[in-house]
N, C-alpha and C. Protein backbone atom coordinates (compact mmCIF):
# COMPACT_ATOMS: atom_id res chain seq x y z
N MET A 1 0.84 -1.18 0.00
CA MET A 1 0.00 0.00 0.00
C MET A 1 0.88 1.24 0.00
N LYS A 2 0.48 2.21 -0.75
CA LYS A 2 1.23 3.46 -0.80
C LYS A 2 1.04 4.24 0.50
N GLU A 3 2.13 4.56 1.16
CA GLU A 3 2.05 5.28 2.43
C GLU A 3 1.62 6.73 2.25
N SER A 4 1.96 7.36 1.14
CA SER A 4 1.70 8.79 0.98
C SER A 4 0.34 9.09 0.36
N TYR A 5 -0.47 8.09 0.07
CA TYR A 5 -1.74 8.29 -0.61
C TYR A 5 -2.71 9.11 0.22
N HIS A 6 -2.84 8.79 1.49
CA HIS A 6 -3.86 9.43 2.31
C HIS A 6 -3.51 9.23 3.78
N ILE A 7 -3.77 10.24 4.57
CA ILE A 7 -3.58 10.12 6.02
C ILE A 7 -4.93 9.79 6.63
N PRO A 8 -5.05 8.63 7.30
CA PRO A 8 -6.34 8.25 7.87
C PRO A 8 -6.82 9.25 8.93
N VAL A 9 -8.09 9.57 8.87
CA VAL A 9 -8.70 10.52 9.80
C VAL A 9 -9.26 9.76 11.00
N LEU A 10 -8.97 10.24 12.20
CA LEU A 10 -9.47 9.65 13.45
C LEU A 10 -9.17 8.16 13.56
N LEU A 11 -8.00 7.76 13.11
CA LEU A 11 -7.64 6.34 13.08
C LEU A 11 -7.79 5.68 14.44
N ASN A 12 -7.17 6.23 15.45
CA ASN A 12 -7.22 5.61 16.78
C ASN A 12 -8.64 5.52 17.32
N GLU A 13 -9.42 6.57 17.13
CA GLU A 13 -10.80 6.59 17.61
C GLU A 13 -11.66 5.55 16.89
N VAL A 14 -11.48 5.45 15.59
CA VAL A 14 -12.26 4.47 14.82
C VAL A 14 -11.91 3.06 15.25
N ILE A 15 -10.63 2.75 15.32
CA ILE A 15 -10.20 1.40 15.69
C ILE A 15 -10.65 1.05 17.10
N GLU A 16 -10.52 1.98 18.01
CA GLU A 16 -10.95 1.73 19.39
C GLU A 16 -12.45 1.43 19.46
N ASN A 17 -13.25 2.20 18.74
CA ASN A 17 -14.70 2.04 18.81
C ASN A 17 -15.24 0.87 18.00
N LEU A 18 -14.44 0.34 17.09
CA LEU A 18 -14.86 -0.86 16.36
C LEU A 18 -14.83 -2.10 17.24
N ASN A 19 -14.04 -2.05 18.31
CA ASN A 19 -13.91 -3.21 19.20
C ASN A 19 -13.65 -4.47 18.38
N ILE A 20 -12.58 -4.44 17.62
CA ILE A 20 -12.26 -5.49 16.65
C ILE A 20 -12.03 -6.83 17.34
N GLN A 21 -12.73 -7.83 16.81
CA GLN A 21 -12.59 -9.21 17.27
C GLN A 21 -11.67 -9.93 16.28
N PRO A 22 -10.71 -10.71 16.75
CA PRO A 22 -9.74 -11.35 15.85
C PRO A 22 -10.34 -12.20 14.74
N GLU A 23 -11.49 -12.80 14.98
CA GLU A 23 -12.13 -13.64 13.96
C GLU A 23 -13.31 -12.93 13.29
N GLY A 24 -13.40 -11.63 13.47
CA GLY A 24 -14.52 -10.87 12.93
C GLY A 24 -14.43 -10.63 11.43
N ILE A 25 -15.52 -10.10 10.90
CA ILE A 25 -15.60 -9.71 9.49
C ILE A 25 -15.89 -8.21 9.47
N TYR A 26 -15.06 -7.47 8.73
CA TYR A 26 -15.16 -6.01 8.70
C TYR A 26 -15.20 -5.54 7.25
N VAL A 27 -15.88 -4.41 7.02
CA VAL A 27 -16.03 -3.86 5.68
C VAL A 27 -15.49 -2.44 5.66
N ASP A 28 -14.63 -2.15 4.69
CA ASP A 28 -14.13 -0.80 4.46
C ASP A 28 -14.60 -0.39 3.07
N CYS A 29 -15.62 0.48 3.01
CA CYS A 29 -16.21 0.88 1.73
C CYS A 29 -15.51 2.07 1.09
N THR A 30 -14.57 2.66 1.80
CA THR A 30 -13.79 3.77 1.25
C THR A 30 -12.32 3.49 1.54
N PHE A 31 -11.79 2.46 0.89
CA PHE A 31 -10.46 1.95 1.20
C PHE A 31 -9.37 3.02 1.12
N GLY A 32 -9.39 3.83 0.08
CA GLY A 32 -8.40 4.92 -0.05
C GLY A 32 -6.98 4.41 0.01
N GLY A 33 -6.19 4.94 0.94
CA GLY A 33 -4.81 4.52 1.11
C GLY A 33 -4.66 3.32 2.01
N GLY A 34 -5.73 2.86 2.59
CA GLY A 34 -5.71 1.64 3.38
C GLY A 34 -5.31 1.79 4.83
N GLY A 35 -5.27 3.01 5.34
CA GLY A 35 -4.85 3.21 6.72
C GLY A 35 -5.72 2.52 7.74
N HIS A 36 -7.04 2.69 7.61
CA HIS A 36 -7.95 2.03 8.55
C HIS A 36 -7.91 0.51 8.35
N SER A 37 -7.90 0.09 7.10
CA SER A 37 -7.87 -1.34 6.81
C SER A 37 -6.60 -1.99 7.33
N ARG A 38 -5.48 -1.33 7.18
CA ARG A 38 -4.22 -1.86 7.68
C ARG A 38 -4.30 -2.07 9.20
N ALA A 39 -4.88 -1.10 9.90
CA ALA A 39 -5.02 -1.20 11.35
C ALA A 39 -5.97 -2.34 11.73
N ILE A 40 -7.02 -2.54 10.95
CA ILE A 40 -7.94 -3.65 11.20
C ILE A 40 -7.21 -4.98 10.98
N LEU A 41 -6.48 -5.10 9.87
CA LEU A 41 -5.77 -6.34 9.57
C LEU A 41 -4.76 -6.70 10.66
N GLN A 42 -4.15 -5.71 11.25
CA GLN A 42 -3.18 -5.97 12.32
C GLN A 42 -3.84 -6.65 13.52
N ARG A 43 -5.15 -6.50 13.64
CA ARG A 43 -5.87 -7.04 14.79
C ARG A 43 -6.63 -8.33 14.47
N LEU A 44 -6.62 -8.73 13.21
CA LEU A 44 -7.32 -9.96 12.81
C LEU A 44 -6.39 -11.16 12.86
N ASN A 45 -6.95 -12.32 13.18
CA ASN A 45 -6.17 -13.54 13.08
C ASN A 45 -6.42 -14.17 11.71
N GLU A 46 -6.00 -15.41 11.53
CA GLU A 46 -6.12 -16.07 10.23
C GLU A 46 -7.57 -16.28 9.79
N LYS A 47 -8.50 -16.31 10.74
CA LYS A 47 -9.92 -16.52 10.40
C LYS A 47 -10.66 -15.21 10.16
N GLY A 48 -10.10 -14.09 10.57
CA GLY A 48 -10.74 -12.80 10.37
C GLY A 48 -10.77 -12.42 8.90
N ARG A 49 -11.71 -11.56 8.53
CA ARG A 49 -11.84 -11.13 7.14
C ARG A 49 -12.08 -9.63 7.05
N LEU A 50 -11.56 -9.06 5.98
CA LEU A 50 -11.78 -7.66 5.66
C LEU A 50 -12.29 -7.59 4.23
N ILE A 51 -13.43 -6.97 4.04
CA ILE A 51 -13.98 -6.75 2.71
C ILE A 51 -13.70 -5.29 2.37
N ALA A 52 -12.95 -5.06 1.30
CA ALA A 52 -12.50 -3.70 0.98
C ALA A 52 -13.01 -3.27 -0.40
N PHE A 53 -13.53 -2.03 -0.46
CA PHE A 53 -14.05 -1.44 -1.69
C PHE A 53 -13.50 -0.03 -1.86
N ASP A 54 -13.44 0.43 -3.08
CA ASP A 54 -13.23 1.84 -3.38
C ASP A 54 -13.58 2.06 -4.84
N GLN A 55 -14.22 3.18 -5.15
CA GLN A 55 -14.57 3.46 -6.54
C GLN A 55 -13.39 3.99 -7.33
N ASP A 56 -12.36 4.44 -6.66
CA ASP A 56 -11.17 5.01 -7.29
C ASP A 56 -10.20 3.88 -7.67
N GLU A 57 -9.90 3.77 -8.96
CA GLU A 57 -8.99 2.72 -9.44
C GLU A 57 -7.63 2.81 -8.75
N ASP A 58 -7.11 4.01 -8.54
CA ASP A 58 -5.83 4.16 -7.84
C ASP A 58 -5.90 3.57 -6.44
N ALA A 59 -6.99 3.81 -5.76
CA ALA A 59 -7.15 3.28 -4.40
C ALA A 59 -7.24 1.76 -4.42
N ARG A 60 -7.92 1.20 -5.41
CA ARG A 60 -8.04 -0.26 -5.49
C ARG A 60 -6.68 -0.92 -5.67
N GLN A 61 -5.75 -0.20 -6.28
CA GLN A 61 -4.39 -0.72 -6.45
C GLN A 61 -3.70 -0.90 -5.10
N ASN A 62 -4.17 -0.21 -4.07
CA ASN A 62 -3.57 -0.29 -2.73
C ASN A 62 -4.07 -1.47 -1.92
N ILE A 63 -5.12 -2.14 -2.37
CA ILE A 63 -5.67 -3.25 -1.61
C ILE A 63 -4.63 -4.37 -1.57
N PRO A 64 -4.25 -4.81 -0.38
CA PRO A 64 -3.16 -5.78 -0.26
C PRO A 64 -3.54 -7.18 -0.73
N ASN A 65 -2.55 -7.91 -1.16
CA ASN A 65 -2.72 -9.32 -1.51
C ASN A 65 -2.58 -10.11 -0.21
N ASP A 66 -3.68 -10.27 0.48
CA ASP A 66 -3.72 -10.91 1.80
C ASP A 66 -4.96 -11.79 1.80
N HIS A 67 -4.80 -13.06 2.15
CA HIS A 67 -5.94 -13.99 2.09
C HIS A 67 -7.11 -13.57 2.97
N ARG A 68 -6.88 -12.68 3.93
CA ARG A 68 -7.97 -12.21 4.80
C ARG A 68 -8.78 -11.10 4.14
N VAL A 69 -8.29 -10.56 3.02
CA VAL A 69 -8.99 -9.48 2.31
C VAL A 69 -9.75 -10.09 1.14
N VAL A 70 -11.06 -9.82 1.12
CA VAL A 70 -11.90 -10.35 0.04
C VAL A 70 -12.60 -9.21 -0.65
């Protein structure tokens, strides 16, 4: 993921309030630079899943090749 694409807004607050469960399923509909998604993935185990979307082709290029991302 490109680090300079976008600075995630309220990252700590969002992650804290999501109360992420390691085996949970999460959806990021505005993937952008992937800051929030990256933080979610760090908290998921092998069974956890992240569904990531973005209408911007450049942003979709940032979606990681990770089996937990669908």
